[in-house]
Amino acid sequence: LGPGLANVGHFLAVYSCKGGVGKSTIAANLAYELSNQGARVGLLDVDIYGPSLPLLVKPLDPAVRRSPKGSGMVYPIIHSNVKLMSLGYVSPNSGVPGSGASGGPAVMRGPMAGRVVAQLLKGTDWGDLDVLILDLPPGTGDVQLEVCQSVRLSGAVCVTTPSKLAVADAIKGVEMFAAL
């Protein structure tokens, strides 16, 4: 897993195959509630095309700082005892499309998206965590595959609404995670 993930106990994915159903809100609330109960928690916004964590959580100091653990490693941002990382917190000067709170669109193809996800996941020095919550983007594509191939998930939370379309998409997500 690399030095940044060496002391993470569990990985929990929060996902849906449909956008706009509340994945990020559920992931953030779950992270802060687990932290309130005494768990050491990290929250990674893996939605590189539309990062929402910076809209939901406004840390007093949102600066991403380098970690001495390795080349390209960074520390997560800490807010109310939860460790956070999102492409939306990364400096817009990083050269990564879509980075920064007001960054432009993240225009990139699958292989580059996979590399950005791997960098956010493995390039963050998470330290000691009981659980790292992974707020996934909608769908069953490259980002989901990169996450599932990079870490061993302890579980996944499927978020949906009662509409027929959302439930049909949720079933596809359940089947994807069962297969992976």
N, C-alpha and C. Protein backbone atom coordinates (compact mmCIF):
# COMPACT_ATOMS: atom_id res chain seq x y z
N LEU A 1 0.80 -1.21 0.00
CA LEU A 1 0.00 0.00 0.00
C LEU A 1 0.84 1.26 0.00
N GLY A 2 2.06 1.17 0.47
CA GLY A 2 2.92 2.34 0.53
C GLY A 2 2.94 2.93 1.92
N PRO A 3 3.90 3.83 2.17
CA PRO A 3 4.09 4.36 3.52
C PRO A 3 2.91 5.19 4.03
N GLY A 4 2.18 5.85 3.18
CA GLY A 4 1.07 6.69 3.62
C GLY A 4 -0.12 5.92 4.13
N LEU A 5 -0.26 4.67 3.70
CA LEU A 5 -1.42 3.85 4.09
C LEU A 5 -1.05 2.72 5.04
N ALA A 6 0.20 2.66 5.45
CA ALA A 6 0.69 1.53 6.24
C ALA A 6 -0.05 1.36 7.56
N ASN A 7 -0.56 2.43 8.14
CA ASN A 7 -1.20 2.35 9.46
C ASN A 7 -2.69 2.64 9.41
N VAL A 8 -3.32 2.29 8.28
CA VAL A 8 -4.77 2.44 8.14
C VAL A 8 -5.39 1.06 8.37
N GLY A 9 -6.29 0.98 9.35
CA GLY A 9 -6.90 -0.29 9.71
C GLY A 9 -7.93 -0.79 8.71
N HIS A 10 -8.84 0.08 8.31
CA HIS A 10 -9.93 -0.32 7.42
C HIS A 10 -10.18 0.74 6.36
N PHE A 11 -10.65 0.27 5.21
CA PHE A 11 -11.05 1.15 4.12
C PHE A 11 -12.53 0.94 3.87
N LEU A 12 -13.29 2.02 3.87
CA LEU A 12 -14.74 1.96 3.68
C LEU A 12 -15.13 2.86 2.52
N ALA A 13 -15.71 2.27 1.48
CA ALA A 13 -16.15 3.05 0.31
C ALA A 13 -17.59 3.51 0.52
N VAL A 14 -17.85 4.76 0.14
CA VAL A 14 -19.21 5.28 0.09
C VAL A 14 -19.45 5.59 -1.38
N TYR A 15 -20.47 4.96 -1.96
CA TYR A 15 -20.64 5.06 -3.41
C TYR A 15 -22.10 5.02 -3.82
N SER A 16 -22.30 5.36 -5.06
CA SER A 16 -23.55 5.17 -5.77
C SER A 16 -23.20 5.28 -7.24
N CYS A 17 -23.96 4.64 -8.06
CA CYS A 17 -23.70 4.75 -9.49
C CYS A 17 -24.38 5.99 -10.08
N LYS A 18 -25.19 6.64 -9.28
CA LYS A 18 -25.91 7.83 -9.73
C LYS A 18 -25.40 9.04 -8.95
N GLY A 19 -25.28 10.16 -9.63
CA GLY A 19 -24.85 11.38 -8.97
C GLY A 19 -26.01 12.06 -8.24
N GLY A 20 -25.65 12.92 -7.29
CA GLY A 20 -26.63 13.75 -6.62
C GLY A 20 -27.53 13.05 -5.62
N VAL A 21 -27.11 11.89 -5.11
CA VAL A 21 -27.96 11.16 -4.17
C VAL A 21 -27.52 11.36 -2.71
N GLY A 22 -26.42 12.08 -2.49
CA GLY A 22 -25.99 12.37 -1.12
C GLY A 22 -24.78 11.59 -0.64
N LYS A 23 -23.99 11.04 -1.57
CA LYS A 23 -22.80 10.28 -1.19
C LYS A 23 -21.85 11.08 -0.31
N SER A 24 -21.51 12.26 -0.75
CA SER A 24 -20.53 13.07 -0.02
C SER A 24 -21.07 13.51 1.33
N THR A 25 -22.33 13.84 1.40
CA THR A 25 -22.93 14.24 2.67
C THR A 25 -22.92 13.07 3.65
N ILE A 26 -23.28 11.88 3.16
CA ILE A 26 -23.25 10.68 4.00
C ILE A 26 -21.82 10.38 4.44
N ALA A 27 -20.86 10.45 3.52
CA ALA A 27 -19.46 10.15 3.84
C ALA A 27 -18.94 11.12 4.90
N ALA A 28 -19.22 12.41 4.76
CA ALA A 28 -18.74 13.40 5.73
C ALA A 28 -19.41 13.19 7.09
N ASN A 29 -20.71 12.98 7.10
CA ASN A 29 -21.40 12.77 8.37
C ASN A 29 -20.92 11.49 9.06
N LEU A 30 -20.68 10.45 8.29
CA LEU A 30 -20.16 9.19 8.83
C LEU A 30 -18.77 9.41 9.44
N ALA A 31 -17.92 10.15 8.74
CA ALA A 31 -16.56 10.41 9.22
C ALA A 31 -16.59 11.16 10.55
N TYR A 32 -17.38 12.21 10.61
CA TYR A 32 -17.40 13.01 11.83
C TYR A 32 -18.09 12.28 12.99
N GLU A 33 -19.09 11.47 12.70
CA GLU A 33 -19.74 10.71 13.78
C GLU A 33 -18.81 9.63 14.32
N LEU A 34 -18.10 8.94 13.44
CA LEU A 34 -17.13 7.94 13.91
C LEU A 34 -16.04 8.60 14.75
N SER A 35 -15.60 9.78 14.32
CA SER A 35 -14.60 10.52 15.09
C SER A 35 -15.16 10.92 16.46
N ASN A 36 -16.40 11.37 16.50
CA ASN A 36 -17.03 11.74 17.76
C ASN A 36 -17.13 10.55 18.72
N GLN A 37 -17.19 9.35 18.16
CA GLN A 37 -17.26 8.14 18.98
C GLN A 37 -15.87 7.62 19.37
N GLY A 38 -14.82 8.35 18.98
CA GLY A 38 -13.48 7.99 19.40
C GLY A 38 -12.60 7.34 18.36
N ALA A 39 -13.12 7.11 17.16
CA ALA A 39 -12.31 6.49 16.12
C ALA A 39 -11.36 7.51 15.49
N ARG A 40 -10.23 7.02 15.01
CA ARG A 40 -9.29 7.85 14.25
C ARG A 40 -9.69 7.70 12.79
N VAL A 41 -10.14 8.81 12.17
CA VAL A 41 -10.82 8.74 10.88
C VAL A 41 -10.17 9.66 9.86
N GLY A 42 -10.09 9.15 8.63
CA GLY A 42 -9.71 9.96 7.49
C GLY A 42 -10.83 9.93 6.46
N LEU A 43 -10.93 10.98 5.68
CA LEU A 43 -11.95 11.08 4.64
C LEU A 43 -11.28 11.56 3.36
N LEU A 44 -11.32 10.71 2.33
CA LEU A 44 -10.73 11.05 1.04
C LEU A 44 -11.83 11.23 0.02
N ASP A 45 -11.89 12.41 -0.56
CA ASP A 45 -12.83 12.74 -1.64
C ASP A 45 -12.17 12.26 -2.93
N VAL A 46 -12.64 11.13 -3.44
CA VAL A 46 -12.03 10.53 -4.62
C VAL A 46 -12.73 10.99 -5.90
N ASP A 47 -13.69 11.86 -5.79
CA ASP A 47 -14.39 12.37 -6.97
C ASP A 47 -13.55 13.50 -7.57
N ILE A 48 -12.66 13.13 -8.48
CA ILE A 48 -11.75 14.12 -9.06
C ILE A 48 -12.43 15.00 -10.10
N TYR A 49 -13.54 14.55 -10.65
CA TYR A 49 -14.25 15.35 -11.65
C TYR A 49 -15.17 16.39 -11.01
N GLY A 50 -15.58 16.15 -9.78
CA GLY A 50 -16.46 17.09 -9.08
C GLY A 50 -16.27 16.98 -7.58
N PRO A 51 -15.08 17.36 -7.08
CA PRO A 51 -14.83 17.22 -5.64
C PRO A 51 -15.78 18.10 -4.83
N SER A 52 -16.44 17.50 -3.85
CA SER A 52 -17.40 18.26 -3.07
C SER A 52 -16.97 18.46 -1.62
N LEU A 53 -15.95 17.75 -1.17
CA LEU A 53 -15.52 17.89 0.22
C LEU A 53 -15.17 19.34 0.57
N PRO A 54 -14.48 20.09 -0.30
CA PRO A 54 -14.18 21.49 0.05
C PRO A 54 -15.45 22.37 0.16
N LEU A 55 -16.54 21.93 -0.44
CA LEU A 55 -17.79 22.67 -0.30
C LEU A 55 -18.49 22.31 1.02
N LEU A 56 -18.30 21.08 1.48
CA LEU A 56 -18.94 20.62 2.71
C LEU A 56 -18.15 20.96 3.97
N VAL A 57 -16.82 20.93 3.87
CA VAL A 57 -15.96 21.15 5.04
C VAL A 57 -14.97 22.27 4.72
N LYS A 58 -15.02 23.30 5.54
CA LYS A 58 -14.14 24.47 5.35
C LYS A 58 -13.15 24.55 6.52
N PRO A 59 -12.01 23.86 6.41
CA PRO A 59 -11.01 23.92 7.49
C PRO A 59 -10.48 25.35 7.65
N LEU A 60 -10.08 25.69 8.88
CA LEU A 60 -9.50 27.01 9.12
C LEU A 60 -8.21 27.18 8.33
N ASP A 61 -7.43 26.10 8.22
CA ASP A 61 -6.18 26.13 7.46
C ASP A 61 -6.24 25.04 6.39
N PRO A 62 -6.66 25.37 5.18
CA PRO A 62 -6.80 24.36 4.13
C PRO A 62 -5.53 24.07 3.34
N ALA A 63 -4.39 24.52 3.83
CA ALA A 63 -3.14 24.32 3.09
C ALA A 63 -2.70 22.86 3.15
N VAL A 64 -2.31 22.33 2.00
CA VAL A 64 -1.74 20.99 1.89
C VAL A 64 -0.22 21.14 2.02
N ARG A 65 0.35 20.41 2.98
CA ARG A 65 1.79 20.54 3.26
C ARG A 65 2.52 19.24 2.96
N ARG A 66 3.78 19.38 2.60
CA ARG A 66 4.61 18.21 2.29
C ARG A 66 4.92 17.40 3.54
N SER A 67 4.97 16.09 3.35
CA SER A 67 5.37 15.17 4.40
C SER A 67 6.80 14.72 4.14
N PRO A 68 7.58 14.49 5.17
CA PRO A 68 8.95 14.01 4.97
C PRO A 68 9.02 12.52 4.63
N LYS A 69 7.89 11.83 4.56
CA LYS A 69 7.88 10.38 4.34
C LYS A 69 8.38 9.95 2.97
N GLY A 70 8.28 10.82 1.99
CA GLY A 70 8.73 10.43 0.66
C GLY A 70 8.48 11.53 -0.35
N SER A 71 9.07 11.36 -1.49
CA SER A 71 8.92 12.33 -2.56
C SER A 71 7.46 12.42 -3.00
N GLY A 72 6.91 13.60 -2.99
CA GLY A 72 5.54 13.80 -3.41
C GLY A 72 4.49 13.50 -2.35
N MET A 73 4.92 13.10 -1.14
CA MET A 73 3.97 12.80 -0.07
C MET A 73 3.52 14.10 0.60
N VAL A 74 2.23 14.14 0.98
CA VAL A 74 1.67 15.30 1.67
C VAL A 74 0.91 14.84 2.91
N TYR A 75 0.75 15.77 3.84
CA TYR A 75 -0.09 15.52 5.01
C TYR A 75 -1.54 15.84 4.66
N PRO A 76 -2.48 15.12 5.25
CA PRO A 76 -3.87 15.51 5.07
C PRO A 76 -4.17 16.76 5.89
N ILE A 77 -5.25 17.40 5.57
CA ILE A 77 -5.73 18.55 6.33
C ILE A 77 -6.53 18.00 7.50
N ILE A 78 -6.39 18.60 8.67
CA ILE A 78 -7.13 18.12 9.84
C ILE A 78 -8.19 19.15 10.22
N HIS A 79 -9.43 18.66 10.34
CA HIS A 79 -10.55 19.50 10.76
C HIS A 79 -11.39 18.72 11.75
N SER A 80 -11.50 19.24 12.97
CA SER A 80 -12.28 18.59 14.04
C SER A 80 -11.91 17.11 14.19
N ASN A 81 -10.60 16.85 14.22
CA ASN A 81 -10.03 15.51 14.43
C ASN A 81 -10.22 14.54 13.27
N VAL A 82 -10.72 14.98 12.14
CA VAL A 82 -10.84 14.13 10.96
C VAL A 82 -9.79 14.59 9.94
N LYS A 83 -9.05 13.63 9.40
CA LYS A 83 -8.03 13.93 8.40
C LYS A 83 -8.70 13.92 7.03
N LEU A 84 -8.47 14.97 6.26
CA LEU A 84 -9.16 15.18 4.98
C LEU A 84 -8.19 15.33 3.83
N MET A 85 -8.62 14.85 2.65
CA MET A 85 -7.89 15.13 1.43
C MET A 85 -8.87 15.12 0.26
N SER A 86 -8.65 16.05 -0.66
CA SER A 86 -9.47 16.18 -1.86
C SER A 86 -8.67 16.93 -2.91
N LEU A 87 -8.93 16.65 -4.15
CA LEU A 87 -8.30 17.42 -5.23
C LEU A 87 -8.68 18.89 -5.10
N GLY A 88 -9.83 19.16 -4.50
CA GLY A 88 -10.26 20.53 -4.29
C GLY A 88 -9.42 21.29 -3.28
N TYR A 89 -8.63 20.60 -2.45
CA TYR A 89 -7.74 21.26 -1.50
C TYR A 89 -6.33 21.44 -2.08
N VAL A 90 -6.02 20.72 -3.16
CA VAL A 90 -4.69 20.77 -3.76
C VAL A 90 -4.53 22.11 -4.49
N SER A 91 -3.35 22.67 -4.40
CA SER A 91 -3.08 23.97 -5.02
C SER A 91 -3.40 23.96 -6.50
N PRO A 92 -4.06 25.02 -6.98
CA PRO A 92 -4.32 25.10 -8.42
C PRO A 92 -3.04 25.21 -9.23
N ASN A 93 -1.91 25.50 -8.57
CA ASN A 93 -0.62 25.58 -9.25
C ASN A 93 0.06 24.22 -9.37
N SER A 94 -0.61 23.16 -8.94
CA SER A 94 -0.01 21.83 -8.96
C SER A 94 0.17 21.27 -10.36
N GLY A 95 -0.55 21.83 -11.31
CA GLY A 95 -0.48 21.31 -12.67
C GLY A 95 -1.48 20.21 -12.95
N VAL A 96 -2.27 19.83 -11.94
CA VAL A 96 -3.28 18.79 -12.12
C VAL A 96 -4.59 19.47 -12.51
N PRO A 97 -5.18 19.09 -13.66
CA PRO A 97 -6.44 19.72 -14.06
C PRO A 97 -7.51 19.56 -12.99
N GLY A 98 -8.21 20.66 -12.69
CA GLY A 98 -9.31 20.62 -11.74
C GLY A 98 -8.91 20.81 -10.29
N SER A 99 -7.61 20.99 -10.01
CA SER A 99 -7.20 21.15 -8.61
C SER A 99 -7.52 22.55 -8.10
N GLY A 100 -7.67 22.64 -6.79
CA GLY A 100 -7.99 23.91 -6.16
C GLY A 100 -9.48 24.09 -5.98
N ALA A 101 -9.83 24.90 -4.99
CA ALA A 101 -11.24 25.12 -4.65
C ALA A 101 -12.02 25.74 -5.81
N SER A 102 -11.37 26.58 -6.57
CA SER A 102 -12.06 27.20 -7.70
C SER A 102 -11.43 26.78 -9.03
N GLY A 103 -10.80 25.59 -9.00
CA GLY A 103 -10.15 25.09 -10.20
C GLY A 103 -11.14 24.85 -11.32
N GLY A 104 -10.64 24.85 -12.53
CA GLY A 104 -11.49 24.60 -13.68
C GLY A 104 -11.89 23.13 -13.73
N PRO A 105 -12.47 22.73 -14.82
CA PRO A 105 -12.89 21.33 -14.93
C PRO A 105 -11.69 20.38 -14.97
N ALA A 106 -11.87 19.21 -14.39
CA ALA A 106 -10.84 18.18 -14.41
C ALA A 106 -10.99 17.39 -15.70
N VAL A 107 -10.39 17.92 -16.76
CA VAL A 107 -10.50 17.29 -18.07
C VAL A 107 -9.34 16.32 -18.21
N MET A 108 -9.64 15.01 -18.08
CA MET A 108 -8.59 14.00 -18.19
C MET A 108 -9.21 12.66 -18.56
N ARG A 109 -8.42 11.86 -19.24
CA ARG A 109 -8.87 10.53 -19.62
C ARG A 109 -8.61 9.54 -18.49
N GLY A 110 -9.14 8.35 -18.63
CA GLY A 110 -9.06 7.31 -17.61
C GLY A 110 -7.70 7.08 -16.99
N PRO A 111 -6.63 6.85 -17.79
CA PRO A 111 -5.33 6.57 -17.18
C PRO A 111 -4.82 7.72 -16.30
N MET A 112 -5.03 8.96 -16.74
CA MET A 112 -4.60 10.10 -15.93
C MET A 112 -5.47 10.20 -14.67
N ALA A 113 -6.76 9.95 -14.80
CA ALA A 113 -7.65 9.97 -13.64
C ALA A 113 -7.19 8.93 -12.62
N GLY A 114 -6.82 7.76 -13.09
CA GLY A 114 -6.33 6.71 -12.19
C GLY A 114 -5.07 7.13 -11.47
N ARG A 115 -4.16 7.82 -12.18
CA ARG A 115 -2.92 8.29 -11.55
C ARG A 115 -3.21 9.34 -10.48
N VAL A 116 -4.15 10.25 -10.76
CA VAL A 116 -4.50 11.29 -9.79
C VAL A 116 -5.11 10.64 -8.54
N VAL A 117 -6.00 9.66 -8.74
CA VAL A 117 -6.61 8.96 -7.61
C VAL A 117 -5.52 8.25 -6.80
N ALA A 118 -4.62 7.55 -7.47
CA ALA A 118 -3.54 6.85 -6.77
C ALA A 118 -2.67 7.83 -5.98
N GLN A 119 -2.41 9.00 -6.55
CA GLN A 119 -1.59 10.00 -5.85
C GLN A 119 -2.32 10.53 -4.61
N LEU A 120 -3.61 10.81 -4.74
CA LEU A 120 -4.37 11.29 -3.58
C LEU A 120 -4.43 10.22 -2.48
N LEU A 121 -4.62 8.98 -2.87
CA LEU A 121 -4.76 7.89 -1.92
C LEU A 121 -3.42 7.50 -1.30
N LYS A 122 -2.45 7.19 -2.15
CA LYS A 122 -1.17 6.67 -1.68
C LYS A 122 -0.15 7.75 -1.37
N GLY A 123 -0.35 8.94 -1.90
CA GLY A 123 0.60 10.04 -1.69
C GLY A 123 0.27 10.89 -0.50
N THR A 124 -0.77 10.52 0.25
CA THR A 124 -1.12 11.24 1.46
C THR A 124 -0.62 10.45 2.65
N ASP A 125 0.05 11.12 3.57
CA ASP A 125 0.59 10.50 4.79
C ASP A 125 -0.53 10.50 5.83
N TRP A 126 -1.38 9.47 5.80
CA TRP A 126 -2.57 9.41 6.64
C TRP A 126 -2.26 9.17 8.10
N GLY A 127 -1.09 8.63 8.42
CA GLY A 127 -0.76 8.33 9.80
C GLY A 127 -1.59 7.17 10.32
N ASP A 128 -1.85 7.16 11.63
CA ASP A 128 -2.62 6.09 12.26
C ASP A 128 -4.11 6.37 12.13
N LEU A 129 -4.81 5.49 11.42
CA LEU A 129 -6.26 5.63 11.26
C LEU A 129 -6.94 4.30 11.55
N ASP A 130 -8.07 4.36 12.20
CA ASP A 130 -8.90 3.18 12.34
C ASP A 130 -9.63 2.90 11.03
N VAL A 131 -10.06 3.97 10.37
CA VAL A 131 -10.79 3.82 9.10
C VAL A 131 -10.52 5.01 8.19
N LEU A 132 -10.34 4.71 6.92
CA LEU A 132 -10.26 5.74 5.89
C LEU A 132 -11.51 5.60 5.03
N ILE A 133 -12.35 6.61 5.05
CA ILE A 133 -13.58 6.61 4.27
C ILE A 133 -13.27 7.19 2.89
N LEU A 134 -13.67 6.45 1.86
CA LEU A 134 -13.41 6.84 0.48
C LEU A 134 -14.73 7.27 -0.16
N ASP A 135 -14.87 8.57 -0.39
CA ASP A 135 -16.06 9.12 -1.01
C ASP A 135 -15.87 9.04 -2.52
N LEU A 136 -16.48 8.02 -3.13
CA LEU A 136 -16.27 7.74 -4.55
C LEU A 136 -17.19 8.58 -5.44
N PRO A 137 -16.78 8.80 -6.68
CA PRO A 137 -17.67 9.49 -7.62
C PRO A 137 -18.76 8.54 -8.11
N PRO A 138 -19.77 9.07 -8.78
CA PRO A 138 -20.80 8.18 -9.33
C PRO A 138 -20.22 7.31 -10.45
N GLY A 139 -20.80 6.14 -10.63
CA GLY A 139 -20.42 5.28 -11.75
C GLY A 139 -19.68 4.03 -11.34
N THR A 140 -19.19 3.33 -12.38
CA THR A 140 -18.45 2.07 -12.19
C THR A 140 -17.21 2.06 -13.08
N GLY A 141 -16.51 3.20 -13.15
CA GLY A 141 -15.42 3.33 -14.10
C GLY A 141 -14.03 3.25 -13.51
N ASP A 142 -13.12 4.01 -14.13
CA ASP A 142 -11.70 3.95 -13.81
C ASP A 142 -11.38 4.28 -12.35
N VAL A 143 -12.06 5.27 -11.80
CA VAL A 143 -11.76 5.67 -10.42
C VAL A 143 -12.13 4.55 -9.46
N GLN A 144 -13.30 3.97 -9.62
CA GLN A 144 -13.72 2.87 -8.75
C GLN A 144 -12.78 1.68 -8.88
N LEU A 145 -12.39 1.36 -10.12
CA LEU A 145 -11.47 0.25 -10.34
C LEU A 145 -10.11 0.51 -9.70
N GLU A 146 -9.61 1.73 -9.83
CA GLU A 146 -8.32 2.08 -9.22
C GLU A 146 -8.36 1.89 -7.71
N VAL A 147 -9.43 2.36 -7.08
CA VAL A 147 -9.56 2.22 -5.63
C VAL A 147 -9.64 0.75 -5.24
N CYS A 148 -10.48 -0.01 -5.91
CA CYS A 148 -10.67 -1.42 -5.56
C CYS A 148 -9.42 -2.26 -5.81
N GLN A 149 -8.60 -1.86 -6.78
CA GLN A 149 -7.37 -2.59 -7.05
C GLN A 149 -6.22 -2.12 -6.16
N SER A 150 -6.36 -0.95 -5.54
CA SER A 150 -5.29 -0.41 -4.70
C SER A 150 -5.39 -0.81 -3.24
N VAL A 151 -6.61 -0.94 -2.73
CA VAL A 151 -6.79 -1.25 -1.32
C VAL A 151 -7.78 -2.41 -1.16
N ARG A 152 -7.70 -3.03 -0.01
CA ARG A 152 -8.66 -4.09 0.32
C ARG A 152 -9.77 -3.45 1.15
N LEU A 153 -10.93 -3.32 0.55
CA LEU A 153 -12.05 -2.68 1.23
C LEU A 153 -12.58 -3.57 2.34
N SER A 154 -12.86 -2.96 3.49
CA SER A 154 -13.51 -3.68 4.58
C SER A 154 -15.01 -3.66 4.40
N GLY A 155 -15.50 -2.69 3.64
CA GLY A 155 -16.94 -2.60 3.41
C GLY A 155 -17.24 -1.46 2.46
N ALA A 156 -18.51 -1.39 2.08
CA ALA A 156 -18.97 -0.33 1.19
C ALA A 156 -20.39 0.04 1.58
N VAL A 157 -20.68 1.34 1.54
CA VAL A 157 -22.00 1.86 1.84
C VAL A 157 -22.58 2.38 0.53
N CYS A 158 -23.71 1.82 0.14
CA CYS A 158 -24.38 2.26 -1.08
C CYS A 158 -25.42 3.32 -0.72
N VAL A 159 -25.36 4.46 -1.38
CA VAL A 159 -26.30 5.54 -1.13
C VAL A 159 -27.21 5.66 -2.34
N THR A 160 -28.50 5.75 -2.09
CA THR A 160 -29.45 5.88 -3.18
C THR A 160 -30.68 6.66 -2.74
N THR A 161 -31.51 6.96 -3.68
CA THR A 161 -32.82 7.56 -3.41
C THR A 161 -33.85 6.55 -3.89
N PRO A 162 -35.13 6.75 -3.58
CA PRO A 162 -36.13 5.74 -3.95
C PRO A 162 -36.58 5.75 -5.41
N SER A 163 -35.99 6.60 -6.24
CA SER A 163 -36.43 6.61 -7.65
C SER A 163 -35.99 5.32 -8.34
N LYS A 164 -36.75 4.91 -9.35
CA LYS A 164 -36.44 3.67 -10.08
C LYS A 164 -35.05 3.72 -10.69
N LEU A 165 -34.69 4.85 -11.28
CA LEU A 165 -33.39 4.99 -11.91
C LEU A 165 -32.26 4.85 -10.88
N ALA A 166 -32.40 5.52 -9.74
CA ALA A 166 -31.36 5.45 -8.71
C ALA A 166 -31.23 4.03 -8.16
N VAL A 167 -32.34 3.36 -7.95
CA VAL A 167 -32.29 1.98 -7.42
C VAL A 167 -31.66 1.04 -8.45
N ALA A 168 -32.01 1.22 -9.72
CA ALA A 168 -31.40 0.38 -10.78
C ALA A 168 -29.89 0.59 -10.81
N ASP A 169 -29.46 1.85 -10.67
CA ASP A 169 -28.03 2.13 -10.66
C ASP A 169 -27.37 1.57 -9.39
N ALA A 170 -28.06 1.62 -8.27
CA ALA A 170 -27.52 1.09 -7.02
C ALA A 170 -27.26 -0.41 -7.15
N ILE A 171 -28.14 -1.10 -7.81
CA ILE A 171 -27.97 -2.55 -8.01
C ILE A 171 -26.71 -2.82 -8.83
N LYS A 172 -26.46 -1.99 -9.84
CA LYS A 172 -25.23 -2.15 -10.63
C LYS A 172 -23.99 -1.97 -9.76
N GLY A 173 -24.04 -1.00 -8.85
CA GLY A 173 -22.91 -0.75 -7.95
C GLY A 173 -22.70 -1.92 -7.01
N VAL A 174 -23.77 -2.46 -6.46
CA VAL A 174 -23.66 -3.62 -5.57
C VAL A 174 -23.02 -4.78 -6.32
N GLU A 175 -23.44 -5.00 -7.55
CA GLU A 175 -22.87 -6.09 -8.36
C GLU A 175 -21.39 -5.84 -8.65
N MET A 176 -21.01 -4.57 -8.91
CA MET A 176 -19.60 -4.25 -9.18
C MET A 176 -18.75 -4.56 -7.95
N PHE A 177 -19.17 -4.10 -6.77
CA PHE A 177 -18.38 -4.33 -5.57
C PHE A 177 -18.34 -5.80 -5.20
N ALA A 178 -19.42 -6.53 -5.45
CA ALA A 178 -19.42 -7.98 -5.18
C ALA A 178 -18.43 -8.68 -6.11
N ALA A 179 -18.34 -8.23 -7.35
CA ALA A 179 -17.41 -8.84 -8.31
C ALA A 179 -15.96 -8.50 -7.99
N LEU A 180 -15.73 -7.31 -7.46
CA LEU A 180 -14.36 -6.87 -7.17
C LEU A 180 -13.92 -7.31 -5.79
